[in-house]
Protein backbone atom coordinates (compact mmCIF):
# COMPACT_ATOMS: atom_id res chain seq x y z
CA MET A 1 197.51 25.85 43.36
CA THR A 2 198.27 22.24 44.21
CA THR A 3 199.63 21.04 47.54
CA GLY A 4 203.17 20.31 46.34
CA GLN A 5 203.73 23.65 44.64
CA VAL A 6 205.93 26.37 46.03
CA LYS A 7 203.56 29.00 47.39
CA LYS A 8 204.13 32.68 46.66
CA VAL A 9 203.77 34.88 49.72
CA ILE A 10 203.98 38.56 50.58
CA ILE A 11 204.51 39.23 54.27
CA ASP A 12 202.91 42.33 55.80
CA THR A 13 204.87 42.97 58.97
CA ASP A 14 205.76 45.18 61.94
CA PRO A 15 208.87 43.24 62.91
CA GLY A 16 209.31 42.65 66.52
CA VAL A 17 210.91 39.38 67.57
CA ASP A 18 207.86 37.26 66.64
CA ASP A 19 207.68 38.58 63.08
CA ALA A 20 211.47 38.34 62.68
CA ILE A 21 211.34 34.63 63.46
CA ALA A 22 208.41 34.12 61.07
CA ILE A 23 210.20 36.02 58.28
CA LEU A 24 213.44 34.07 58.71
CA MET A 25 211.52 30.78 58.74
CA ALA A 26 209.60 31.74 55.59
CA LEU A 27 212.82 32.70 53.82
CA ARG A 28 214.32 29.28 54.62
CA SER A 29 211.23 27.27 53.73
CA PRO A 30 211.54 25.29 50.49
CA SER A 31 207.75 25.45 50.09
CA LEU A 32 207.54 29.28 50.12
CA GLN A 33 208.70 31.95 47.70
CA VAL A 34 208.73 35.28 49.54
CA LEU A 35 207.99 37.90 46.89
CA GLY A 36 208.16 40.92 49.16
CA LEU A 37 207.67 42.47 52.55
CA THR A 38 205.33 45.34 53.32
CA THR A 39 205.73 47.20 56.58
CA VAL A 40 203.24 48.71 58.98
CA GLY A 41 203.53 50.55 62.27
CA GLY A 42 202.55 48.32 65.18
CA ASN A 43 205.04 46.64 67.50
CA VAL A 44 207.36 49.48 66.54
CA PRO A 45 206.93 52.71 64.54
CA LEU A 46 206.88 52.38 60.75
CA ALA A 47 210.46 53.63 60.26
CA ARG A 48 211.76 51.00 62.71
CA ALA A 49 209.57 48.28 61.13
CA THR A 50 211.01 49.12 57.72
CA ARG A 51 214.57 49.25 59.03
CA ASN A 52 214.14 45.91 60.81
CA SER A 53 212.70 44.30 57.67
CA LEU A 54 215.61 45.49 55.57
CA ALA A 55 218.14 44.40 58.21
CA LEU A 56 216.55 40.94 58.41
CA LEU A 57 216.69 40.51 54.64
CA GLU A 58 220.32 41.57 54.62
CA TYR A 59 221.09 39.20 57.52
CA ALA A 60 219.45 36.37 55.54
CA ASP A 61 221.34 37.38 52.37
CA ARG A 62 218.02 38.02 50.58
CA THR A 63 218.41 41.63 49.48
CA ASP A 64 216.66 40.67 46.22
CA ILE A 65 213.32 40.86 48.06
CA PRO A 66 211.66 44.30 47.97
CA VAL A 67 210.38 46.09 51.06
CA ALA A 68 207.51 48.57 50.64
CA ARG A 69 206.56 51.00 53.40
CA GLY A 70 202.94 51.04 54.45
CA ALA A 71 200.76 52.72 57.04
CA ALA A 72 202.47 54.57 59.87
CA LEU A 73 199.26 55.05 61.83
CA PRO A 74 196.11 53.01 62.37
CA ILE A 75 192.88 54.07 60.71
CA ARG A 76 191.55 55.01 64.16
CA GLY A 77 193.29 55.59 67.46
CA GLN A 78 197.00 55.06 67.94
CA TYR A 79 199.39 52.16 68.28
CA GLY A 80 200.62 51.07 71.67
CA TYR A 81 204.15 50.16 70.64
CA ALA A 82 205.48 46.98 72.27
CA PHE A 83 208.86 48.29 73.43
CA PRO A 84 208.60 46.51 76.83
CA VAL A 85 208.24 43.19 74.99
CA HIS A 86 210.49 43.63 71.95
CA GLY A 87 212.99 46.21 73.20
CA ALA A 88 213.63 49.68 71.80
CA SER A 89 214.81 48.29 68.46
CA GLY A 90 211.91 45.87 68.17
CA LEU A 91 214.32 42.96 67.90
CA THR A 92 215.78 42.95 71.46
CA ARG A 93 219.21 42.96 69.80
CA ARG A 94 220.08 45.47 67.17
CA LEU A 95 221.13 44.17 63.78
CA PRO A 96 223.61 46.31 61.83
CA ASN A 97 222.08 49.15 59.85
CA PRO A 98 221.04 47.84 56.45
CA SER A 99 222.89 49.01 53.37
CA ILE A 100 219.72 48.69 51.28
CA GLY A 101 216.56 50.78 51.33
CA PRO A 102 212.87 50.28 50.68
CA ILE A 103 211.35 50.63 47.25
CA GLU A 104 209.65 53.93 46.42
CA GLN A 105 206.27 52.30 45.83
CA ARG A 106 204.00 52.33 48.87
CA ALA A 107 202.77 49.06 50.36
CA VAL A 108 199.15 49.33 49.21
CA ASP A 109 200.20 50.04 45.61
CA TYR A 110 202.82 47.27 45.68
CA LEU A 111 200.26 44.77 46.99
CA ALA A 112 197.68 45.71 44.34
CA GLU A 113 200.27 45.48 41.56
CA GLU A 114 201.64 42.09 42.65
CA LEU A 115 198.17 40.61 43.18
CA GLY A 116 197.20 41.83 39.71
CA LYS A 117 200.31 40.26 38.16
CA HIS A 118 199.74 36.91 39.91
CA PRO A 119 195.96 36.49 40.38
CA GLY A 120 195.08 33.54 42.57
CA GLU A 121 198.74 32.77 43.30
CA ILE A 122 199.83 34.98 46.22
CA ILE A 123 199.11 34.35 49.87
CA LEU A 124 199.17 37.48 52.00
CA ALA A 125 200.58 36.78 55.45
CA ALA A 126 199.59 39.65 57.75
CA LEU A 127 201.74 39.45 60.87
CA GLY A 128 200.98 42.89 62.28
CA PRO A 129 198.10 45.35 62.37
CA LEU A 130 195.78 44.98 59.39
CA THR A 131 195.97 48.64 58.37
CA ASN A 132 197.70 47.95 55.04
CA ILE A 133 195.14 45.26 54.22
CA ALA A 134 192.26 47.61 55.11
CA ASN A 135 193.81 50.36 52.98
CA LEU A 136 194.20 47.88 50.10
CA THR A 137 190.49 47.00 50.19
CA THR A 138 189.54 50.68 50.30
CA ARG A 139 191.88 51.96 47.62
CA TYR A 140 191.72 48.93 45.32
CA PRO A 141 188.31 47.27 45.72
CA GLY A 142 188.52 43.68 44.55
CA ALA A 143 192.31 43.45 44.82
CA LEU A 144 192.19 41.23 47.89
CA GLU A 145 189.96 38.81 45.97
CA GLN A 146 192.94 38.19 43.67
CA ALA A 147 194.92 36.68 46.56
CA ALA A 148 195.15 32.92 46.95
CA GLY A 149 194.57 33.47 50.64
CA LEU A 150 195.00 35.75 53.62
CA VAL A 151 196.73 34.41 56.72
CA VAL A 152 196.46 36.61 59.81
CA MET A 153 198.56 36.33 62.95
CA GLY A 154 196.01 38.03 65.18
CA GLY A 155 195.30 38.45 68.82
CA ALA A 156 197.22 39.88 71.70
C-alpha cells in the first residue's frame, strides 16, 4: 500500500462519544474507505454499541456500511460501563432509532472473511476493548496477519 492510496479500514467499536467522533471523521476522510464496523461491549453494553453504530451510519447517510455484532462480555471479568462519562445512551444525546439492522454474521467471522478477501489491504482500527481482536486470533489463527495494520486506541 503506497502513501497516496485510499486505505481500507474496519472499525471495531463500542461507541461512546469518543468513538462516535472517530467514526464520523473516518467516514468523511477522503483517504479512508470504511468497509465495516464491528461492535463490542465496553463503554456501553453490546446492544447499545450496535444501536449507536447503526444510528451513526444512518446519521452520516452511510447505510451501505455493514455492522457486525461482536463480544458482549470480556474474556475475563466484566466491563465497567462508562455511563457517567458518555451518558445512558453512550452518546450523551440520543440519535433517532436506526431503521437498519446489523448483519447476521458475527464480528469475528466478518473480520476473518474480509481480511481473507483483502489480504494486506485492511487496517483494523480497534477503538474499544480488544475482545473481538482476541477472539479473532483464537478462532482464526493467522487471520490478523492478513491485516495491513492494527491501530489501537488504548488506555484509560
